[in-house]
Amino acid sequence: MLKVKDLMSSPVFSLRENDSLLSARSLMDLQRIRHIPIVTAENAFIGLITHRDILSATISKLAELDPETQKEIDSGIPIREIMRTDIRSVSPESSLRDAAQILLNHKYGCLPVVQEGALTGILTEADFLRLTINLMEGLESDPR
């Protein structure tokens, strides 16, 4: 049986609750990711910020702010102001099927992987898409 640890991404890009919204936006842009776990100095998982959270906290483009003003505003907003703390997580030993069911049933984009309170990885929809592609390639190359 496949387990979360077999598919999760690790190590994980993470931030701390005192980091700014600008830091989160920059990390997402630079690493092309949509979810950032928030951890303490001891790597204890305490929350999550998503691309959608950042969009919700951003002043509308209709306000016609120049990029520098937006950066200045973002740099003054700590992540703790907008991060989600009611996040479901899974352990590395959880079954992959159970994790997939959680993602599907709750319409989550990711599941932080936590062991004894510490962040050890992240499991995303993209991980499952890669698995699906690999499985389809295996089926296509099967000579039967």
Protein backbone atom coordinates (compact mmCIF):
# COMPACT_ATOMS: atom_id res chain seq x y z
CA MET A 1 0.00 0.00 0.00
CA LEU A 2 1.31 3.42 -0.94
CA LYS A 3 1.78 5.89 1.88
CA VAL A 4 1.87 9.67 1.98
CA LYS A 5 5.66 9.57 2.48
CA ASP A 6 5.98 7.85 -0.92
CA LEU A 7 4.50 10.80 -2.79
CA MET A 8 4.87 13.92 -0.63
CA SER A 9 7.24 16.74 -1.50
CA SER A 10 10.03 17.23 0.99
CA PRO A 11 11.76 19.43 2.03
CA VAL A 12 9.06 22.09 2.03
CA PHE A 13 9.28 25.83 1.50
CA SER A 14 7.81 27.35 4.64
CA LEU A 15 7.56 30.70 6.38
CA ARG A 16 7.00 31.94 9.92
CA GLU A 17 3.97 33.83 11.18
CA ASN A 18 5.95 37.07 11.55
CA ASP A 19 7.07 37.01 7.90
CA SER A 20 5.25 39.45 5.67
CA LEU A 21 2.64 39.01 3.00
CA LEU A 22 5.30 40.29 0.60
CA SER A 23 7.57 37.38 1.61
CA ALA A 24 4.78 34.90 0.92
CA ARG A 25 3.94 36.46 -2.44
CA SER A 26 7.62 36.53 -3.45
CA LEU A 27 8.20 32.90 -2.41
CA MET A 28 5.13 31.73 -4.33
CA ASP A 29 6.21 33.61 -7.44
CA LEU A 30 9.84 32.50 -7.23
CA GLN A 31 9.15 28.81 -6.54
CA ARG A 32 5.91 28.61 -8.58
CA ILE A 33 3.94 27.18 -5.63
CA ARG A 34 0.43 27.90 -4.34
CA HIS A 35 0.65 26.74 -0.71
CA ILE A 36 3.08 27.70 2.03
CA PRO A 37 3.00 26.00 5.44
CA ILE A 38 3.66 28.29 8.39
CA VAL A 39 5.94 26.94 11.11
CA THR A 40 7.51 28.03 14.39
CA ALA A 41 11.26 28.38 14.87
CA GLU A 42 11.22 24.72 16.01
CA ASN A 43 9.48 23.67 12.74
CA ALA A 44 6.13 23.01 14.46
CA PHE A 45 3.30 23.32 11.93
CA ILE A 46 0.90 26.13 12.92
CA GLY A 47 -0.89 27.20 9.75
CA LEU A 48 -1.04 27.60 6.00
CA ILE A 49 -1.24 30.43 3.53
CA THR A 50 -2.51 29.84 0.02
CA HIS A 51 -2.43 31.78 -3.21
CA ARG A 52 -6.15 32.37 -2.77
CA ASP A 53 -5.53 33.84 0.72
CA ILE A 54 -3.01 36.24 -0.79
CA LEU A 55 -5.43 37.29 -3.51
CA SER A 56 -8.11 37.93 -0.88
CA ALA A 57 -5.72 40.13 1.10
CA THR A 58 -4.59 42.10 -1.95
CA ILE A 59 -6.05 45.47 -2.75
CA SER A 60 -8.08 45.18 -5.93
CA LYS A 61 -6.43 45.92 -9.26
CA LEU A 62 -9.34 48.30 -9.73
CA ALA A 63 -7.72 50.58 -7.13
CA GLU A 64 -4.94 51.12 -9.69
CA LEU A 65 -2.10 50.90 -7.17
CA ASP A 66 1.36 50.94 -8.62
CA PRO A 67 3.46 47.83 -7.87
CA GLU A 68 5.75 49.66 -5.44
CA THR A 69 2.83 50.83 -3.31
CA GLN A 70 1.41 47.30 -3.28
CA LYS A 71 4.81 45.95 -2.16
CA GLU A 72 4.96 48.54 0.61
CA ILE A 73 1.50 47.55 1.84
CA ASP A 74 2.32 43.82 1.61
CA SER A 75 5.55 44.26 3.57
CA GLY A 76 3.58 45.66 6.51
CA ILE A 77 1.11 42.76 6.77
CA PRO A 78 2.34 39.81 8.85
CA ILE A 79 1.30 36.37 7.63
CA ARG A 80 -0.37 35.62 10.98
CA GLU A 81 -3.06 38.16 9.98
CA ILE A 82 -4.22 36.10 7.01
CA MET A 83 -2.95 32.53 7.50
CA ARG A 84 -5.38 29.70 8.10
CA THR A 85 -4.98 27.72 11.28
CA ASP A 86 -7.85 25.23 10.94
CA ILE A 87 -5.87 23.08 8.52
CA ARG A 88 -6.19 19.34 8.25
CA SER A 89 -2.88 17.50 8.07
CA VAL A 90 -1.76 13.90 7.58
CA SER A 91 1.14 11.83 8.83
CA PRO A 92 3.81 10.37 6.55
CA GLU A 93 2.43 6.91 7.37
CA SER A 94 -1.15 7.74 6.30
CA SER A 95 -2.42 5.82 3.30
CA LEU A 96 -2.25 7.69 0.03
CA ARG A 97 -5.83 6.66 -0.72
CA ASP A 98 -7.08 8.22 2.53
CA ALA A 99 -5.16 11.43 1.80
CA ALA A 100 -6.61 11.58 -1.72
CA GLN A 101 -10.09 11.10 -0.28
CA ILE A 102 -9.55 14.01 2.13
CA LEU A 103 -8.35 16.27 -0.70
CA LEU A 104 -11.31 15.33 -2.86
CA ASN A 105 -14.03 15.45 -0.20
CA HIS A 106 -12.94 18.76 1.30
CA LYS A 107 -11.77 20.35 -1.97
CA TYR A 108 -8.33 21.06 -0.49
CA GLY A 109 -5.38 21.86 -2.71
CA CYS A 110 -2.84 20.40 -0.31
CA LEU A 111 -2.30 18.54 2.91
CA PRO A 112 0.63 19.41 5.16
CA VAL A 113 2.44 16.28 6.31
CA VAL A 114 3.13 16.45 10.04
CA GLN A 115 4.87 14.00 12.34
CA GLU A 116 4.86 14.63 16.09
CA GLY A 117 3.85 18.25 15.43
CA ALA A 118 6.74 18.95 13.05
CA LEU A 119 6.28 19.70 9.36
CA THR A 120 7.93 16.94 7.30
CA GLY A 121 6.41 17.47 3.85
CA ILE A 122 3.43 18.56 1.80
CA LEU A 123 1.10 16.59 -0.43
CA THR A 124 -0.56 18.54 -3.24
CA GLU A 125 -2.97 18.00 -6.10
CA ALA A 126 0.04 18.30 -8.41
CA ASP A 127 1.66 15.29 -6.70
CA PHE A 128 -1.43 13.22 -7.50
CA LEU A 129 -1.44 14.46 -11.10
CA ARG A 130 2.20 13.36 -11.49
CA LEU A 131 1.28 9.95 -10.05
CA THR A 132 -1.66 9.68 -12.46
CA ILE A 133 0.54 10.53 -15.45
CA ASN A 134 3.11 7.93 -14.38
CA LEU A 135 0.39 5.30 -13.99
CA MET A 136 -1.08 6.14 -17.41
CA GLU A 137 2.36 5.91 -19.01
CA GLY A 138 2.82 2.52 -17.38
CA LEU A 139 -0.51 1.34 -18.75
CA GLU A 140 0.26 2.65 -22.24
CA SER A 141 3.62 0.86 -22.33
CA ASP A 142 2.14 -2.44 -21.14
CA PRO A 143 2.26 -4.76 -24.21
CA ARG A 144 -0.95 -6.62 -23.26
